[in-house]
Amino acid sequence: MTLSLVVVYDGACGSCSSIAATLSQVLTVPVIVRSCRDPHLTREFPLLEGIPRCVAPLAVMRGPDGAATLLRGLRLMWRGAGLIAPGRYTAAVRLAGWIAWQRLLHLAWPSRRR
């Protein structure tokens, strides 16, 4: 088994869906996208039990040995930055800028759905 990243995103959020779809084009590891509303998610990843999944981005990193590690917040960003594929740095910076812009819009207009 190889290293892989399972991105848990809000399928009802257009921006979130776009980001999740773009990650597989930017990272070196296989990216699996799963909706935070998937009822089987906690059965497959018990470490997600009790964690609010549709509030903020999170990911589960599966190691070569099958061990799962929860990534969220700064830890997710730092780990993700280390997985950028060579030659995809420009696309990754563009994606990061777009994510920051979406976050600023959300902070400026909290009632606006992402």
C-alpha atoms as a PDB file:
ATOM      1  CA  MET A   1       0.000   0.000   0.000  1.00  0.00           C
ATOM      2  CA  THR A   2       1.274   3.469  -0.836  1.00  0.00           C
ATOM      3  CA  LEU A   3       0.797   6.799   0.846  1.00  0.00           C
ATOM      4  CA  SER A   4      -2.603   8.346   0.008  1.00  0.00           C
ATOM      5  CA  LEU A   5      -4.692  11.311   1.073  1.00  0.00           C
ATOM      6  CA  VAL A   6      -8.421  11.129   1.710  1.00  0.00           C
ATOM      7  CA  VAL A   7      -9.864  14.650   1.490  1.00  0.00           C
ATOM      8  CA  VAL A   8     -13.133  15.113   3.369  1.00  0.00           C
ATOM      9  CA  TYR A   9     -15.049  18.043   1.908  1.00  0.00           C
ATOM     10  CA  ASP A  10     -18.520  19.585   1.962  1.00  0.00           C
ATOM     11  CA  GLY A  11     -20.196  18.434  -1.255  1.00  0.00           C
ATOM     12  CA  ALA A  12     -22.857  21.135  -0.833  1.00  0.00           C
ATOM     13  CA  CYS A  13     -20.166  23.828  -1.102  1.00  0.00           C
ATOM     14  CA  GLY A  14     -19.170  24.691  -4.670  1.00  0.00           C
ATOM     15  CA  SER A  15     -15.798  26.140  -3.670  1.00  0.00           C
ATOM     16  CA  CYS A  16     -15.003  23.104  -1.524  1.00  0.00           C
ATOM     17  CA  SER A  17     -15.878  20.735  -4.367  1.00  0.00           C
ATOM     18  CA  SER A  18     -13.656  22.658  -6.755  1.00  0.00           C
ATOM     19  CA  ILE A  19     -10.723  22.584  -4.347  1.00  0.00           C
ATOM     20  CA  ALA A  20     -11.128  18.859  -3.693  1.00  0.00           C
ATOM     21  CA  ALA A  21     -11.210  18.126  -7.430  1.00  0.00           C
ATOM     22  CA  THR A  22      -8.094  20.236  -8.084  1.00  0.00           C
ATOM     23  CA  LEU A  23      -5.952  18.608  -5.389  1.00  0.00           C
ATOM     24  CA  SER A  24      -5.432  15.416  -7.369  1.00  0.00           C
ATOM     25  CA  GLN A  25      -3.870  17.506 -10.158  1.00  0.00           C
ATOM     26  CA  VAL A  26      -1.423  19.216  -7.793  1.00  0.00           C
ATOM     27  CA  LEU A  27      -0.261  16.576  -5.293  1.00  0.00           C
ATOM     28  CA  THR A  28       2.127  13.662  -5.774  1.00  0.00           C
ATOM     29  CA  VAL A  29       0.087  11.161  -3.769  1.00  0.00           C
ATOM     30  CA  PRO A  30      -3.218   9.584  -4.812  1.00  0.00           C
ATOM     31  CA  VAL A  31      -6.071  11.813  -3.622  1.00  0.00           C
ATOM     32  CA  ILE A  32      -9.437  10.300  -2.737  1.00  0.00           C
ATOM     33  CA  VAL A  33     -12.274  12.771  -2.221  1.00  0.00           C
ATOM     34  CA  ARG A  34     -15.152  11.933   0.110  1.00  0.00           C
ATOM     35  CA  SER A  35     -18.149  13.959   1.134  1.00  0.00           C
ATOM     36  CA  CYS A  36     -18.366  14.930   4.795  1.00  0.00           C
ATOM     37  CA  ARG A  37     -21.978  13.753   4.656  1.00  0.00           C
ATOM     38  CA  ASP A  38     -21.047  10.176   3.687  1.00  0.00           C
ATOM     39  CA  PRO A  39     -22.695   7.952   6.343  1.00  0.00           C
ATOM     40  CA  HIS A  40     -19.983   5.269   5.932  1.00  0.00           C
ATOM     41  CA  LEU A  41     -17.088   7.649   6.545  1.00  0.00           C
ATOM     42  CA  THR A  42     -16.743   7.065  10.299  1.00  0.00           C
ATOM     43  CA  ARG A  43     -16.997   3.308   9.831  1.00  0.00           C
ATOM     44  CA  GLU A  44     -14.098   3.416   7.385  1.00  0.00           C
ATOM     45  CA  PHE A  45     -12.128   6.009   9.385  1.00  0.00           C
ATOM     46  CA  PRO A  46     -12.939   5.618  13.109  1.00  0.00           C
ATOM     47  CA  LEU A  47     -10.606   8.538  13.962  1.00  0.00           C
ATOM     48  CA  LEU A  48     -13.272  10.864  12.462  1.00  0.00           C
ATOM     49  CA  GLU A  49     -15.796   9.830  15.119  1.00  0.00           C
ATOM     50  CA  GLY A  50     -16.960  12.887  17.046  1.00  0.00           C
ATOM     51  CA  ILE A  51     -15.141  15.370  14.791  1.00  0.00           C
ATOM     52  CA  PRO A  52     -17.354  17.986  13.079  1.00  0.00           C
ATOM     53  CA  ARG A  53     -16.631  17.112   9.461  1.00  0.00           C
ATOM     54  CA  CYS A  54     -18.536  19.759   7.480  1.00  0.00           C
ATOM     55  CA  VAL A  55     -17.218  22.785   9.373  1.00  0.00           C
ATOM     56  CA  ALA A  56     -13.602  22.982   8.218  1.00  0.00           C
ATOM     57  CA  PRO A  57     -11.405  21.170   5.704  1.00  0.00           C
ATOM     58  CA  LEU A  58      -9.766  17.996   6.868  1.00  0.00           C
ATOM     59  CA  ALA A  59      -7.983  15.019   5.443  1.00  0.00           C
ATOM     60  CA  VAL A  60      -6.932  11.554   6.457  1.00  0.00           C
ATOM     61  CA  MET A  61      -3.462  10.485   5.417  1.00  0.00           C
ATOM     62  CA  ARG A  62      -3.008   6.770   4.953  1.00  0.00           C
ATOM     63  CA  GLY A  63       0.548   5.599   5.363  1.00  0.00           C
ATOM     64  CA  PRO A  64       2.153   2.695   3.500  1.00  0.00           C
ATOM     65  CA  ASP A  65       1.386   0.484   6.513  1.00  0.00           C
ATOM     66  CA  GLY A  66      -2.329   1.430   6.394  1.00  0.00           C
ATOM     67  CA  ALA A  67      -2.179   3.620   9.511  1.00  0.00           C
ATOM     68  CA  ALA A  68      -4.447   6.671   9.315  1.00  0.00           C
ATOM     69  CA  THR A  69      -3.549  10.152  10.561  1.00  0.00           C
ATOM     70  CA  LEU A  70      -6.001  13.050  10.825  1.00  0.00           C
ATOM     71  CA  LEU A  71      -4.836  16.310   9.257  1.00  0.00           C
ATOM     72  CA  ARG A  72      -6.605  19.633   9.703  1.00  0.00           C
ATOM     73  CA  GLY A  73      -5.788  23.304  10.086  1.00  0.00           C
ATOM     74  CA  LEU A  74      -2.142  24.301   9.803  1.00  0.00           C
ATOM     75  CA  ARG A  75      -0.983  20.704   9.962  1.00  0.00           C
ATOM     76  CA  LEU A  76      -3.040  19.945   6.838  1.00  0.00           C
ATOM     77  CA  MET A  77      -1.596  22.940   4.988  1.00  0.00           C
ATOM     78  CA  TRP A  78       2.021  22.130   5.946  1.00  0.00           C
ATOM     79  CA  ARG A  79       1.701  18.450   5.084  1.00  0.00           C
ATOM     80  CA  GLY A  80      -0.085  19.272   1.829  1.00  0.00           C
ATOM     81  CA  ALA A  81       2.626  21.763   0.863  1.00  0.00           C
ATOM     82  CA  GLY A  82       5.192  18.983   1.183  1.00  0.00           C
ATOM     83  CA  LEU A  83       3.226  16.798  -1.229  1.00  0.00           C
ATOM     84  CA  ILE A  84       3.136  19.198  -4.192  1.00  0.00           C
ATOM     85  CA  ALA A  85       4.239  17.463  -7.370  1.00  0.00           C
ATOM     86  CA  PRO A  86       7.345  18.796  -9.121  1.00  0.00           C
ATOM     87  CA  GLY A  87       6.335  21.116 -11.920  1.00  0.00           C
ATOM     88  CA  ARG A  88       2.961  21.838 -10.282  1.00  0.00           C
ATOM     89  CA  TYR A  89       4.120  24.616  -7.961  1.00  0.00           C
ATOM     90  CA  THR A  90       2.520  27.375 -10.057  1.00  0.00           C
ATOM     91  CA  ALA A  91      -0.817  25.544 -10.041  1.00  0.00           C
ATOM     92  CA  ALA A  92      -0.490  25.013  -6.287  1.00  0.00           C
ATOM     93  CA  VAL A  93       0.193  28.720  -5.664  1.00  0.00           C
ATOM     94  CA  ARG A  94      -2.800  29.629  -7.837  1.00  0.00           C
ATOM     95  CA  LEU A  95      -4.968  27.206  -5.868  1.00  0.00           C
ATOM     96  CA  ALA A  96      -3.690  28.575  -2.533  1.00  0.00           C
ATOM     97  CA  GLY A  97      -4.444  32.143  -3.660  1.00  0.00           C
ATOM     98  CA  TRP A  98      -7.942  31.156  -4.722  1.00  0.00           C
ATOM     99  CA  ILE A  99      -8.541  29.408  -1.384  1.00  0.00           C
ATOM    100  CA  ALA A 100      -7.343  32.516   0.490  1.00  0.00           C
ATOM    101  CA  TRP A 101      -9.636  34.715  -1.618  1.00  0.00           C
ATOM    102  CA  GLN A 102     -12.628  32.457  -0.913  1.00  0.00           C
ATOM    103  CA  ARG A 103     -11.809  32.556   2.798  1.00  0.00           C
ATOM    104  CA  LEU A 104     -11.646  36.360   2.767  1.00  0.00           C
ATOM    105  CA  LEU A 105     -14.999  36.524   1.001  1.00  0.00           C
ATOM    106  CA  HIS A 106     -16.489  34.190   3.569  1.00  0.00           C
ATOM    107  CA  LEU A 107     -15.115  36.307   6.429  1.00  0.00           C
ATOM    108  CA  ALA A 108     -16.394  39.538   4.841  1.00  0.00           C
ATOM    109  CA  TRP A 109     -19.883  38.114   4.217  1.00  0.00           C
ATOM    110  CA  PRO A 110     -20.471  35.324   6.762  1.00  0.00           C
ATOM    111  CA  SER A 111     -24.072  34.813   5.674  1.00  0.00           C
ATOM    112  CA  ARG A 112     -22.883  34.024   2.143  1.00  0.00           C
ATOM    113  CA  ARG A 113     -22.575  30.288   1.556  1.00  0.00           C
ATOM    114  CA  ARG A 114     -19.129  29.357   0.256  1.00  0.00           C
END
